Amino acid sequence: MEQAGKIVDRAMRIAQLGVAPSARECDVAAAITHALIAGTPEFPGGASRIYPTMPTGSPATAPHIKWSDDACYTAESQTNFELESSVTSSQS
């Protein structure tokens, strides 16, 4: 669980860096998904049971909304991220 938490922390930092007025939601979602699967240098991530959800603006009050191809981030908008991670064991 601690390893999965470190993976999610890394993915959240990537999400925060990706949110910009010119960024498309789908590109931010792709970067988050990559970070969750890649894991950290110490341990790999794994396949999640859920996809990252990231409602922005007025839909931010609704849960479990997927991304779009819109560039809808503004300095005033709120984005709620829901992320999950798993750790892939390298042992057989």
PDB file of N, CA and C in Angstrom:
ATOM      1  N   MET A   1       0.825  -1.183   0.000  1.00  0.00           N
ATOM      2  CA  MET A   1       0.000   0.000   0.000  1.00  0.00           C
ATOM      3  C   MET A   1       0.879   1.260   0.000  1.00  0.00           C
ATOM      4  N   GLU A   2       1.974   1.195   0.709  1.00  0.00           N
ATOM      5  CA  GLU A   2       2.896   2.341   0.728  1.00  0.00           C
ATOM      6  C   GLU A   2       3.487   2.583  -0.662  1.00  0.00           C
ATOM      7  N   GLN A   3       3.821   1.507  -1.359  1.00  0.00           N
ATOM      8  CA  GLN A   3       4.361   1.646  -2.711  1.00  0.00           C
ATOM      9  C   GLN A   3       3.323   2.254  -3.649  1.00  0.00           C
ATOM     10  N   ALA A   4       2.089   1.782  -3.571  1.00  0.00           N
ATOM     11  CA  ALA A   4       1.022   2.330  -4.415  1.00  0.00           C
ATOM     12  C   ALA A   4       0.812   3.810  -4.104  1.00  0.00           C
ATOM     13  N   GLY A   5       0.915   4.182  -2.833  1.00  0.00           N
ATOM     14  CA  GLY A   5       0.784   5.590  -2.450  1.00  0.00           C
ATOM     15  C   GLY A   5       1.865   6.453  -3.075  1.00  0.00           C
ATOM     16  N   LYS A   6       3.087   5.933  -3.129  1.00  0.00           N
ATOM     17  CA  LYS A   6       4.177   6.691  -3.752  1.00  0.00           C
ATOM     18  C   LYS A   6       3.950   6.850  -5.256  1.00  0.00           C
ATOM     19  N   ILE A   7       3.382   5.825  -5.871  1.00  0.00           N
ATOM     20  CA  ILE A   7       3.078   5.909  -7.300  1.00  0.00           C
ATOM     21  C   ILE A   7       2.003   6.969  -7.547  1.00  0.00           C
ATOM     22  N   VAL A   8       0.955   6.968  -6.718  1.00  0.00           N
ATOM     23  CA  VAL A   8      -0.115   7.960  -6.872  1.00  0.00           C
ATOM     24  C   VAL A   8       0.419   9.365  -6.613  1.00  0.00           C
ATOM     25  N   ASP A   9       1.288   9.528  -5.624  1.00  0.00           N
ATOM     26  CA  ASP A   9       1.893  10.848  -5.373  1.00  0.00           C
ATOM     27  C   ASP A   9       2.626  11.346  -6.607  1.00  0.00           C
ATOM     28  N   ARG A  10       3.381  10.469  -7.241  1.00  0.00           N
ATOM     29  CA  ARG A  10       4.119  10.850  -8.453  1.00  0.00           C
ATOM     30  C   ARG A  10       3.154  11.221  -9.576  1.00  0.00           C
ATOM     31  N   ALA A  11       2.107  10.433  -9.759  1.00  0.00           N
ATOM     32  CA  ALA A  11       1.124  10.715 -10.806  1.00  0.00           C
ATOM     33  C   ALA A  11       0.401  12.037 -10.539  1.00  0.00           C
ATOM     34  N   MET A  12       0.134  12.334  -9.273  1.00  0.00           N
ATOM     35  CA  MET A  12      -0.539  13.592  -8.937  1.00  0.00           C
ATOM     36  C   MET A  12       0.364  14.790  -9.244  1.00  0.00           C
ATOM     37  N   ARG A  13       1.654  14.669  -8.982  1.00  0.00           N
ATOM     38  CA  ARG A  13       2.582  15.757  -9.337  1.00  0.00           C
ATOM     39  C   ARG A  13       2.587  15.982 -10.844  1.00  0.00           C
ATOM     40  N   ILE A  14       2.579  14.899 -11.604  1.00  0.00           N
ATOM     41  CA  ILE A  14       2.534  15.008 -13.068  1.00  0.00           C
ATOM     42  C   ILE A  14       1.228  15.655 -13.504  1.00  0.00           C
ATOM     43  N   ALA A  15       0.127  15.292 -12.862  1.00  0.00           N
ATOM     44  CA  ALA A  15      -1.169  15.899 -13.180  1.00  0.00           C
ATOM     45  C   ALA A  15      -1.147  17.397 -12.912  1.00  0.00           C
ATOM     46  N   GLN A  16      -0.608  17.791 -11.788  1.00  0.00           N
ATOM     47  CA  GLN A  16      -0.549  19.215 -11.433  1.00  0.00           C
ATOM     48  C   GLN A  16       0.301  19.994 -12.422  1.00  0.00           C
ATOM     49  N   LEU A  17       1.398  19.408 -12.872  1.00  0.00           N
ATOM     50  CA  LEU A  17       2.252  20.074 -13.854  1.00  0.00           C
ATOM     51  C   LEU A  17       1.594  20.143 -15.229  1.00  0.00           C
ATOM     52  N   GLY A  18       0.738  19.175 -15.537  1.00  0.00           N
ATOM     53  CA  GLY A  18       0.114  19.120 -16.851  1.00  0.00           C
ATOM     54  C   GLY A  18      -1.060  20.069 -17.037  1.00  0.00           C
ATOM     55  N   VAL A  19      -1.684  20.454 -15.936  1.00  0.00           N
ATOM     56  CA  VAL A  19      -2.853  21.328 -16.023  1.00  0.00           C
ATOM     57  C   VAL A  19      -2.403  22.737 -16.389  1.00  0.00           C
ATOM     58  N   ALA A  20      -2.790  23.168 -17.576  1.00  0.00           N
ATOM     59  CA  ALA A  20      -2.448  24.500 -18.081  1.00  0.00           C
ATOM     60  C   ALA A  20      -3.542  24.914 -19.066  1.00  0.00           C
ATOM     61  N   PRO A  21      -3.720  26.217 -19.272  1.00  0.00           N
ATOM     62  CA  PRO A  21      -4.802  26.667 -20.168  1.00  0.00           C
ATOM     63  C   PRO A  21      -4.773  26.051 -21.570  1.00  0.00           C
ATOM     64  N   SER A  22      -3.620  25.720 -22.094  1.00  0.00           N
ATOM     65  CA  SER A  22      -3.557  25.160 -23.448  1.00  0.00           C
ATOM     66  C   SER A  22      -3.604  23.637 -23.468  1.00  0.00           C
ATOM     67  N   ALA A  23      -3.595  23.000 -22.311  1.00  0.00           N
ATOM     68  CA  ALA A  23      -3.551  21.535 -22.250  1.00  0.00           C
ATOM     69  C   ALA A  23      -4.932  20.928 -22.467  1.00  0.00           C
ATOM     70  N   ARG A  24      -4.974  19.848 -23.233  1.00  0.00           N
ATOM     71  CA  ARG A  24      -6.226  19.107 -23.396  1.00  0.00           C
ATOM     72  C   ARG A  24      -6.352  18.105 -22.245  1.00  0.00           C
ATOM     73  N   GLU A  25      -7.566  17.917 -21.777  1.00  0.00           N
ATOM     74  CA  GLU A  25      -7.793  16.974 -20.679  1.00  0.00           C
ATOM     75  C   GLU A  25      -7.286  15.580 -21.024  1.00  0.00           C
ATOM     76  N   CYS A  26      -7.498  15.136 -22.260  1.00  0.00           N
ATOM     77  CA  CYS A  26      -7.082  13.786 -22.649  1.00  0.00           C
ATOM     78  C   CYS A  26      -5.560  13.624 -22.589  1.00  0.00           C
ATOM     79  N   ASP A  27      -4.817  14.683 -22.871  1.00  0.00           N
ATOM     80  CA  ASP A  27      -3.353  14.603 -22.788  1.00  0.00           C
ATOM     81  C   ASP A  27      -2.897  14.507 -21.338  1.00  0.00           C
ATOM     82  N   VAL A  28      -3.560  15.245 -20.446  1.00  0.00           N
ATOM     83  CA  VAL A  28      -3.245  15.152 -19.016  1.00  0.00           C
ATOM     84  C   VAL A  28      -3.596  13.752 -18.513  1.00  0.00           C
ATOM     85  N   ALA A  29      -4.738  13.212 -18.932  1.00  0.00           N
ATOM     86  CA  ALA A  29      -5.131  11.855 -18.532  1.00  0.00           C
ATOM     87  C   ALA A  29      -4.117  10.821 -19.012  1.00  0.00           C
ATOM     88  N   ALA A  30      -3.594  10.997 -20.219  1.00  0.00           N
ATOM     89  CA  ALA A  30      -2.594  10.064 -20.750  1.00  0.00           C
ATOM     90  C   ALA A  30      -1.310  10.120 -19.927  1.00  0.00           C
ATOM     91  N   ALA A  31      -0.886  11.308 -19.541  1.00  0.00           N
ATOM     92  CA  ALA A  31       0.325  11.447 -18.723  1.00  0.00           C
ATOM     93  C   ALA A  31       0.123  10.804 -17.348  1.00  0.00           C
ATOM     94  N   ILE A  32      -1.060  10.989 -16.779  1.00  0.00           N
ATOM     95  CA  ILE A  32      -1.366  10.378 -15.479  1.00  0.00           C
ATOM     96  C   ILE A  32      -1.348   8.857 -15.598  1.00  0.00           C
ATOM     97  N   THR A  33      -2.020   8.334 -16.615  1.00  0.00           N
ATOM     98  CA  THR A  33      -2.084   6.887 -16.812  1.00  0.00           C
ATOM     99  C   THR A  33      -0.695   6.300 -17.009  1.00  0.00           C
ATOM    100  N   HIS A  34       0.130   6.977 -17.784  1.00  0.00           N
ATOM    101  CA  HIS A  34       1.513   6.521 -17.985  1.00  0.00           C
ATOM    102  C   HIS A  34       2.253   6.465 -16.651  1.00  0.00           C
ATOM    103  N   ALA A  35       2.116   7.500 -15.846  1.00  0.00           N
ATOM    104  CA  ALA A  35       2.805   7.536 -14.546  1.00  0.00           C
ATOM    105  C   ALA A  35       2.322   6.423 -13.625  1.00  0.00           C
ATOM    106  N   LEU A  36       1.027   6.143 -13.640  1.00  0.00           N
ATOM    107  CA  LEU A  36       0.490   5.088 -12.778  1.00  0.00           C
ATOM    108  C   LEU A  36       0.989   3.707 -13.190  1.00  0.00           C
ATOM    109  N   ILE A  37       1.126   3.472 -14.487  1.00  0.00           N
ATOM    110  CA  ILE A  37       1.586   2.169 -14.964  1.00  0.00           C
ATOM    111  C   ILE A  37       3.104   2.051 -14.867  1.00  0.00           C
ATOM    112  N   ALA A  38       3.834   3.136 -15.152  1.00  0.00           N
ATOM    113  CA  ALA A  38       5.299   3.103 -15.098  1.00  0.00           C
ATOM    114  C   ALA A  38       5.805   2.946 -13.663  1.00  0.00           C
ATOM    115  N   GLY A  39       5.065   3.492 -12.703  1.00  0.00           N
ATOM    116  CA  GLY A  39       5.491   3.378 -11.310  1.00  0.00           C
ATOM    117  C   GLY A  39       6.620   4.332 -10.984  1.00  0.00           C
ATOM    118  N   THR A  40       7.549   3.846 -10.178  1.00  0.00           N
ATOM    119  CA  THR A  40       8.707   4.646  -9.767  1.00  0.00           C
ATOM    120  C   THR A  40       9.969   3.876 -10.142  1.00  0.00           C
ATOM    121  N   PRO A  41      11.140   4.492 -10.013  1.00  0.00           N
ATOM    122  CA  PRO A  41      12.370   3.740 -10.286  1.00  0.00           C
ATOM    123  C   PRO A  41      12.535   2.510  -9.382  1.00  0.00           C
ATOM    124  N   GLU A  42      11.922   2.536  -8.201  1.00  0.00           N
ATOM    125  CA  GLU A  42      12.059   1.418  -7.254  1.00  0.00           C
ATOM    126  C   GLU A  42      11.098   0.271  -7.525  1.00  0.00           C
ATOM    127  N   PHE A  43       9.898   0.560  -8.015  1.00  0.00           N
ATOM    128  CA  PHE A  43       8.907  -0.494  -8.237  1.00  0.00           C
ATOM    129  C   PHE A  43       7.937  -0.084  -9.344  1.00  0.00           C
ATOM    130  N   PRO A  44       7.495  -1.089 -10.137  1.00  0.00           N
ATOM    131  CA  PRO A  44       6.601  -0.795 -11.251  1.00  0.00           C
ATOM    132  C   PRO A  44       5.161  -0.610 -10.786  1.00  0.00           C
ATOM    133  N   GLY A  45       4.418   0.151 -11.564  1.00  0.00           N
ATOM    134  CA  GLY A  45       2.984   0.260 -11.322  1.00  0.00           C
ATOM    135  C   GLY A  45       2.283  -0.919 -11.959  1.00  0.00           C
ATOM    136  N   GLY A  46       0.985  -0.884 -11.937  1.00  0.00           N
ATOM    137  CA  GLY A  46       0.217  -1.965 -12.541  1.00  0.00           C
ATOM    138  C   GLY A  46      -1.066  -1.423 -13.125  1.00  0.00           C
ATOM    139  N   ALA A  47      -1.835  -2.310 -13.673  1.00  0.00           N
ATOM    140  CA  ALA A  47      -3.113  -1.921 -14.263  1.00  0.00           C
ATOM    141  C   ALA A  47      -4.104  -1.569 -13.161  1.00  0.00           C
ATOM    142  N   SER A  48      -4.780  -0.452 -13.312  1.00  0.00           N
ATOM    143  CA  SER A  48      -5.792  -0.030 -12.354  1.00  0.00           C
ATOM    144  C   SER A  48      -7.138  -0.624 -12.714  1.00  0.00           C
ATOM    145  N   ARG A  49      -7.998  -0.710 -11.726  1.00  0.00           N
ATOM    146  CA  ARG A  49      -9.371  -1.156 -11.983  1.00  0.00           C
ATOM    147  C   ARG A  49     -10.232  -0.003 -12.476  1.00  0.00           C
ATOM    148  N   ILE A  50      -9.792   1.227 -12.214  1.00  0.00           N
ATOM    149  CA  ILE A  50     -10.537   2.394 -12.672  1.00  0.00           C
ATOM    150  C   ILE A  50      -9.614   3.286 -13.486  1.00  0.00           C
ATOM    151  N   TYR A  51     -10.192   4.109 -14.300  1.00  0.00           N
ATOM    152  CA  TYR A  51      -9.423   5.088 -15.065  1.00  0.00           C
ATOM    153  C   TYR A  51      -9.351   6.372 -14.240  1.00  0.00           C
ATOM    154  N   PRO A  52      -8.353   7.232 -14.483  1.00  0.00           N
ATOM    155  CA  PRO A  52      -8.312   8.504 -13.757  1.00  0.00           C
ATOM    156  C   PRO A  52      -9.545   9.340 -14.110  1.00  0.00           C
ATOM    157  N   THR A  53     -10.190   9.888 -13.115  1.00  0.00           N
ATOM    158  CA  THR A  53     -11.283  10.815 -13.374  1.00  0.00           C
ATOM    159  C   THR A  53     -10.816  12.195 -12.967  1.00  0.00           C
ATOM    160  N   MET A  54     -11.258  13.198 -13.706  1.00  0.00           N
ATOM    161  CA  MET A  54     -10.717  14.540 -13.516  1.00  0.00           C
ATOM    162  C   MET A  54     -11.669  15.626 -13.965  1.00  0.00           C
ATOM    163  N   PRO A  55     -12.836  15.738 -13.314  1.00  0.00           N
ATOM    164  CA  PRO A  55     -13.764  16.796 -13.706  1.00  0.00           C
ATOM    165  C   PRO A  55     -13.177  18.181 -13.450  1.00  0.00           C
ATOM    166  N   THR A  56     -13.435  19.093 -14.375  1.00  0.00           N
ATOM    167  CA  THR A  56     -12.890  20.451 -14.316  1.00  0.00           C
ATOM    168  C   THR A  56     -14.011  21.464 -14.469  1.00  0.00           C
ATOM    169  N   GLY A  57     -13.879  22.584 -13.779  1.00  0.00           N
ATOM    170  CA  GLY A  57     -14.879  23.645 -13.892  1.00  0.00           C
ATOM    171  C   GLY A  57     -16.166  23.267 -13.199  1.00  0.00           C
ATOM    172  N   SER A  58     -17.294  23.635 -13.782  1.00  0.00           N
ATOM    173  CA  SER A  58     -18.572  23.359 -13.129  1.00  0.00           C
ATOM    174  C   SER A  58     -18.865  21.865 -12.973  1.00  0.00           C
ATOM    175  N   PRO A  59     -18.407  20.978 -13.871  1.00  0.00           N
ATOM    176  CA  PRO A  59     -18.626  19.549 -13.621  1.00  0.00           C
ATOM    177  C   PRO A  59     -17.778  19.003 -12.461  1.00  0.00           C
ATOM    178  N   ALA A  60     -16.893  19.804 -11.896  1.00  0.00           N
ATOM    179  CA  ALA A  60     -16.026  19.322 -10.811  1.00  0.00           C
ATOM    180  C   ALA A  60     -16.815  18.902  -9.587  1.00  0.00           C
ATOM    181  N   THR A  61     -18.067  19.311  -9.501  1.00  0.00           N
ATOM    182  CA  THR A  61     -18.891  18.902  -8.363  1.00  0.00           C
ATOM    183  C   THR A  61     -19.493  17.516  -8.559  1.00  0.00           C
ATOM    184  N   ALA A  62     -19.384  16.962  -9.760  1.00  0.00           N
ATOM    185  CA  ALA A  62     -19.912  15.623 -10.043  1.00  0.00           C
ATOM    186  C   ALA A  62     -18.783  14.597  -9.985  1.00  0.00           C
ATOM    187  N   PRO A  63     -19.023  13.443  -9.396  1.00  0.00           N
ATOM    188  CA  PRO A  63     -17.959  12.431  -9.292  1.00  0.00           C
ATOM    189  C   PRO A  63     -17.821  11.588 -10.563  1.00  0.00           C
ATOM    190  N   HIS A  64     -16.651  11.021 -10.744  1.00  0.00           N
ATOM    191  CA  HIS A  64     -16.382   9.992 -11.742  1.00  0.00           C
ATOM    192  C   HIS A  64     -16.596  10.440 -13.192  1.00  0.00           C
ATOM    193  N   ILE A  65     -16.241  11.671 -13.501  1.00  0.00           N
ATOM    194  CA  ILE A  65     -16.367  12.153 -14.874  1.00  0.00           C
ATOM    195  C   ILE A  65     -15.039  11.955 -15.596  1.00  0.00           C
ATOM    196  N   LYS A  66     -15.116  11.317 -16.767  1.00  0.00           N
ATOM    197  CA  LYS A  66     -13.905  11.119 -17.566  1.00  0.00           C
ATOM    198  C   LYS A  66     -13.499  12.420 -18.231  1.00  0.00           C
ATOM    199  N   TRP A  67     -12.382  12.382 -18.898  1.00  0.00           N
ATOM    200  CA  TRP A  67     -11.813  13.535 -19.575  1.00  0.00           C
ATOM    201  C   TRP A  67     -12.436  13.720 -20.949  1.00  0.00           C
ATOM    202  N   SER A  68     -12.138  14.860 -21.549  1.00  0.00           N
ATOM    203  CA  SER A  68     -12.579  15.147 -22.912  1.00  0.00           C
ATOM    204  C   SER A  68     -11.348  15.575 -23.709  1.00  0.00           C
ATOM    205  N   ASP A  69     -11.556  16.020 -24.935  1.00  0.00           N
ATOM    206  CA  ASP A  69     -10.435  16.551 -25.716  1.00  0.00           C
ATOM    207  C   ASP A  69     -10.404  18.073 -25.663  1.00  0.00           C
ATOM    208  N   ASP A  70     -11.151  18.648 -24.729  1.00  0.00           N
ATOM    209  CA  ASP A  70     -11.179  20.102 -24.571  1.00  0.00           C
ATOM    210  C   ASP A  70      -9.949  20.614 -23.834  1.00  0.00           C
ATOM    211  N   ALA A  71      -9.578  21.833 -24.160  1.00  0.00           N
ATOM    212  CA  ALA A  71      -8.573  22.562 -23.384  1.00  0.00           C
ATOM    213  C   ALA A  71      -9.366  23.521 -22.496  1.00  0.00           C
ATOM    214  N   CYS A  72      -9.838  23.028 -21.363  1.00  0.00           N
ATOM    215  CA  CYS A  72     -10.806  23.781 -20.565  1.00  0.00           C
ATOM    216  C   CYS A  72     -10.220  24.299 -19.250  1.00  0.00           C
ATOM    217  N   TYR A  73      -8.920  24.181 -19.058  1.00  0.00           N
ATOM    218  CA  TYR A  73      -8.319  24.646 -17.811  1.00  0.00           C
ATOM    219  C   TYR A  73      -8.161  26.170 -17.845  1.00  0.00           C
ATOM    220  N   THR A  74      -8.515  26.794 -16.745  1.00  0.00           N
ATOM    221  CA  THR A  74      -8.288  28.227 -16.574  1.00  0.00           C
ATOM    222  C   THR A  74      -7.683  28.436 -15.192  1.00  0.00           C
ATOM    223  N   ALA A  75      -7.178  29.633 -14.962  1.00  0.00           N
ATOM    224  CA  ALA A  75      -6.583  29.932 -13.657  1.00  0.00           C
ATOM    225  C   ALA A  75      -7.617  29.838 -12.543  1.00  0.00           C
ATOM    226  N   GLU A  76      -8.887  30.046 -12.880  1.00  0.00           N
ATOM    227  CA  GLU A  76      -9.938  30.053 -11.870  1.00  0.00           C
ATOM    228  C   GLU A  76     -10.640  28.701 -11.714  1.00  0.00           C
ATOM    229  N   SER A  77     -10.379  27.755 -12.604  1.00  0.00           N
ATOM    230  CA  SER A  77     -11.135  26.506 -12.565  1.00  0.00           C
ATOM    231  C   SER A  77     -10.569  25.535 -11.530  1.00  0.00           C
ATOM    232  N   GLN A  78     -11.458  24.725 -11.015  1.00  0.00           N
ATOM    233  CA  GLN A  78     -11.094  23.674 -10.062  1.00  0.00           C
ATOM    234  C   GLN A  78     -11.074  22.354 -10.810  1.00  0.00           C
ATOM    235  N   THR A  79     -10.083  21.526 -10.531  1.00  0.00           N
ATOM    236  CA  THR A  79     -10.027  20.179 -11.091  1.00  0.00           C
ATOM    237  C   THR A  79      -9.876  19.201  -9.948  1.00  0.00           C
ATOM    238  N   ASN A  80     -10.750  18.221  -9.889  1.00  0.00           N
ATOM    239  CA  ASN A  80     -10.672  17.165  -8.871  1.00  0.00           C
ATOM    240  C   ASN A  80     -10.146  15.899  -9.532  1.00  0.00           C
ATOM    241  N   PHE A  81      -9.060  15.380  -9.015  1.00  0.00           N
ATOM    242  CA  PHE A  81      -8.489  14.154  -9.550  1.00  0.00           C
ATOM    243  C   PHE A  81      -8.844  12.983  -8.642  1.00  0.00           C
ATOM    244  N   GLU A  82      -9.266  11.881  -9.236  1.00  0.00           N
ATOM    245  CA  GLU A  82      -9.456  10.629  -8.519  1.00  0.00           C
ATOM    246  C   GLU A  82      -8.517   9.623  -9.169  1.00  0.00           C
ATOM    247  N   LEU A  83      -7.524   9.177  -8.408  1.00  0.00           N
ATOM    248  CA  LEU A  83      -6.511   8.275  -8.940  1.00  0.00           C
ATOM    249  C   LEU A  83      -6.426   7.017  -8.093  1.00  0.00           C
ATOM    250  N   GLU A  84      -6.009   5.931  -8.726  1.00  0.00           N
ATOM    251  CA  GLU A  84      -5.811   4.655  -8.039  1.00  0.00           C
ATOM    252  C   GLU A  84      -4.565   4.024  -8.616  1.00  0.00           C
ATOM    253  N   SER A  85      -3.855   3.295  -7.781  1.00  0.00           N
ATOM    254  CA  SER A  85      -2.666   2.612  -8.274  1.00  0.00           C
ATOM    255  C   SER A  85      -2.602   1.208  -7.705  1.00  0.00           C
ATOM    256  N   SER A  86      -1.912   0.371  -8.414  1.00  0.00           N
ATOM    257  CA  SER A  86      -1.565  -0.958  -7.917  1.00  0.00           C
ATOM    258  C   SER A  86      -0.095  -1.160  -8.212  1.00  0.00           C
ATOM    259  N   VAL A  87       0.488  -2.126  -7.550  1.00  0.00           N
ATOM    260  CA  VAL A  87       1.903  -2.420  -7.737  1.00  0.00           C
ATOM    261  C   VAL A  87       2.021  -3.802  -8.346  1.00  0.00           C
ATOM    262  N   THR A  88       2.820  -3.914  -9.398  1.00  0.00           N
ATOM    263  CA  THR A  88       3.046  -5.206 -10.041  1.00  0.00           C
ATOM    264  C   THR A  88       4.232  -5.877  -9.383  1.00  0.00           C
ATOM    265  N   SER A  89       4.034  -7.062  -8.925  1.00  0.00           N
ATOM    266  CA  SER A  89       5.123  -7.824  -8.304  1.00  0.00           C
ATOM    267  C   SER A  89       6.016  -8.386  -9.385  1.00  0.00           C
ATOM    268  N   SER A  90       7.310  -8.248  -9.205  1.00  0.00           N
ATOM    269  CA  SER A  90       8.255  -8.809 -10.183  1.00  0.00           C
ATOM    270  C   SER A  90       8.623 -10.240  -9.815  1.00  0.00           C
ATOM    271  N   GLN A  91       8.070 -10.721  -8.721  1.00  0.00           N
ATOM    272  CA  GLN A  91       8.353 -12.108  -8.287  1.00  0.00           C
ATOM    273  C   GLN A  91       7.287 -13.044  -8.849  1.00  0.00           C
ATOM    274  N   SER A  92       7.715 -14.218  -9.247  1.00  0.00           N
ATOM    275  CA  SER A  92       6.766 -15.210  -9.788  1.00  0.00           C
ATOM    276  C   SER A  92       6.215 -16.064  -8.686  1.00  0.00           C
TER     277      SER A  92
END
